[in-house]
Amino acid sequence: MFRLPFGERVDPLEEKRQARENTINSMITFCVLCAAIRIAPLVLEQSGF
């Protein structure tokens, strides 16, 4: 069983908010990376590489 150290209480609402924030940040990072992968060949083609 998982135990937290004494004196450290986890607020369920704070934990849920943090999980939501991490998920949104991960999705933004994923979308930016996908866009960069799609755009890179076009930029390289325009620059003559």
N, C-alpha and C. Protein backbone atom coordinates (compact mmCIF):
# COMPACT_ATOMS: atom_id res chain seq x y z
N MET A 1 0.83 -1.18 0.00
CA MET A 1 0.00 0.00 0.00
C MET A 1 0.88 1.25 0.00
N PHE A 2 0.45 2.26 -0.70
CA PHE A 2 1.20 3.51 -0.82
C PHE A 2 0.86 4.42 0.35
N ARG A 3 1.87 4.95 1.02
CA ARG A 3 1.65 5.87 2.14
C ARG A 3 2.38 7.18 1.89
N LEU A 4 1.73 8.26 2.24
CA LEU A 4 2.35 9.57 2.16
C LEU A 4 3.10 9.84 3.46
N PRO A 5 4.13 10.64 3.39
CA PRO A 5 4.84 11.01 4.63
C PRO A 5 3.90 11.73 5.59
N PHE A 6 4.16 11.58 6.87
CA PHE A 6 3.31 12.23 7.88
C PHE A 6 3.36 13.74 7.72
N GLY A 7 2.23 14.38 7.93
CA GLY A 7 2.16 15.82 7.87
C GLY A 7 1.91 16.38 6.47
N GLU A 8 2.02 15.55 5.47
CA GLU A 8 1.81 16.02 4.10
C GLU A 8 0.47 15.49 3.62
N ARG A 9 -0.49 16.39 3.50
CA ARG A 9 -1.83 15.98 3.07
C ARG A 9 -2.03 16.42 1.62
N VAL A 10 -2.68 15.57 0.87
CA VAL A 10 -2.93 15.86 -0.54
C VAL A 10 -4.38 16.28 -0.69
N ASP A 11 -4.56 17.46 -1.24
CA ASP A 11 -5.90 17.97 -1.50
C ASP A 11 -6.39 17.36 -2.81
N PRO A 12 -7.51 16.63 -2.79
CA PRO A 12 -8.00 16.00 -4.02
C PRO A 12 -8.28 16.99 -5.14
N LEU A 13 -8.79 18.16 -4.80
CA LEU A 13 -9.06 19.16 -5.84
C LEU A 13 -7.77 19.69 -6.44
N GLU A 14 -6.76 19.90 -5.60
CA GLU A 14 -5.47 20.37 -6.10
C GLU A 14 -4.82 19.31 -6.97
N GLU A 15 -4.93 18.05 -6.57
CA GLU A 15 -4.36 16.97 -7.36
C GLU A 15 -5.05 16.86 -8.72
N LYS A 16 -6.37 17.02 -8.73
CA LYS A 16 -7.12 16.97 -9.99
C LYS A 16 -6.75 18.14 -10.90
N ARG A 17 -6.61 19.35 -10.30
CA ARG A 17 -6.22 20.52 -11.07
C ARG A 17 -4.84 20.35 -11.68
N GLN A 18 -3.92 19.80 -10.89
CA GLN A 18 -2.56 19.58 -11.37
C GLN A 18 -2.53 18.55 -12.50
N ALA A 19 -3.32 17.50 -12.37
CA ALA A 19 -3.39 16.48 -13.42
C ALA A 19 -3.96 17.07 -14.71
N ARG A 20 -4.98 17.91 -14.57
CA ARG A 20 -5.59 18.55 -15.75
C ARG A 20 -4.58 19.48 -16.42
N GLU A 21 -3.86 20.25 -15.61
CA GLU A 21 -2.86 21.17 -16.14
C GLU A 21 -1.74 20.42 -16.85
N ASN A 22 -1.29 19.31 -16.28
CA ASN A 22 -0.25 18.51 -16.92
C ASN A 22 -0.73 17.91 -18.24
N THR A 23 -1.98 17.49 -18.27
CA THR A 23 -2.55 16.92 -19.50
C THR A 23 -2.62 17.98 -20.60
N ILE A 24 -3.07 19.17 -20.24
CA ILE A 24 -3.17 20.26 -21.23
C ILE A 24 -1.78 20.63 -21.75
N ASN A 25 -0.80 20.71 -20.86
CA ASN A 25 0.56 21.04 -21.28
C ASN A 25 1.13 19.96 -22.19
N SER A 26 0.84 18.71 -21.90
CA SER A 26 1.32 17.62 -22.75
C SER A 26 0.67 17.68 -24.14
N MET A 27 -0.61 18.00 -24.19
CA MET A 27 -1.30 18.09 -25.48
C MET A 27 -0.76 19.26 -26.31
N ILE A 28 -0.49 20.38 -25.65
CA ILE A 28 0.06 21.54 -26.37
C ILE A 28 1.44 21.20 -26.93
N THR A 29 2.27 20.56 -26.11
CA THR A 29 3.60 20.16 -26.56
C THR A 29 3.51 19.20 -27.75
N PHE A 30 2.59 18.23 -27.67
CA PHE A 30 2.40 17.26 -28.75
C PHE A 30 1.97 17.96 -30.04
N CYS A 31 1.03 18.89 -29.94
CA CYS A 31 0.54 19.59 -31.13
C CYS A 31 1.63 20.47 -31.75
N VAL A 32 2.41 21.14 -30.92
CA VAL A 32 3.50 21.97 -31.44
C VAL A 32 4.54 21.10 -32.14
N LEU A 33 4.86 19.97 -31.55
CA LEU A 33 5.83 19.05 -32.16
C LEU A 33 5.31 18.51 -33.49
N CYS A 34 4.05 18.12 -33.54
CA CYS A 34 3.47 17.63 -34.80
C CYS A 34 3.49 18.72 -35.87
N ALA A 35 3.15 19.94 -35.49
CA ALA A 35 3.17 21.05 -36.45
C ALA A 35 4.59 21.29 -36.96
N ALA A 36 5.57 21.24 -36.06
CA ALA A 36 6.96 21.44 -36.47
C ALA A 36 7.42 20.35 -37.44
N ILE A 37 7.00 19.12 -37.20
CA ILE A 37 7.37 18.02 -38.09
C ILE A 37 6.73 18.21 -39.46
N ARG A 38 5.48 18.70 -39.49
CA ARG A 38 4.80 18.91 -40.78
C ARG A 38 5.39 20.11 -41.53
N ILE A 39 5.82 21.14 -40.82
CA ILE A 39 6.30 22.37 -41.45
C ILE A 39 7.77 22.26 -41.88
N ALA A 40 8.57 21.48 -41.18
CA ALA A 40 10.01 21.40 -41.45
C ALA A 40 10.33 21.07 -42.91
N PRO A 41 9.69 20.06 -43.52
CA PRO A 41 10.02 19.77 -44.93
C PRO A 41 9.71 20.94 -45.87
N LEU A 42 8.63 21.66 -45.59
CA LEU A 42 8.26 22.80 -46.45
C LEU A 42 9.30 23.91 -46.32
N VAL A 43 9.76 24.17 -45.12
CA VAL A 43 10.77 25.21 -44.91
C VAL A 43 12.08 24.80 -45.58
N LEU A 44 12.47 23.55 -45.41
CA LEU A 44 13.71 23.08 -46.03
C LEU A 44 13.64 23.14 -47.55
N GLU A 45 12.47 22.80 -48.11
CA GLU A 45 12.30 22.85 -49.55
C GLU A 45 12.38 24.29 -50.06
N GLN A 46 11.81 25.22 -49.35
CA GLN A 46 11.85 26.63 -49.74
C GLN A 46 13.25 27.20 -49.65
N SER A 47 14.04 26.71 -48.68
CA SER A 47 15.39 27.26 -48.50
C SER A 47 16.40 26.59 -49.42
N GLY A 48 16.02 25.54 -50.13
CA GLY A 48 16.88 24.92 -51.11
C GLY A 48 17.70 23.74 -50.60
N PHE A 49 17.35 23.21 -49.46
CA PHE A 49 18.10 22.05 -48.96
C PHE A 49 17.59 20.78 -49.53
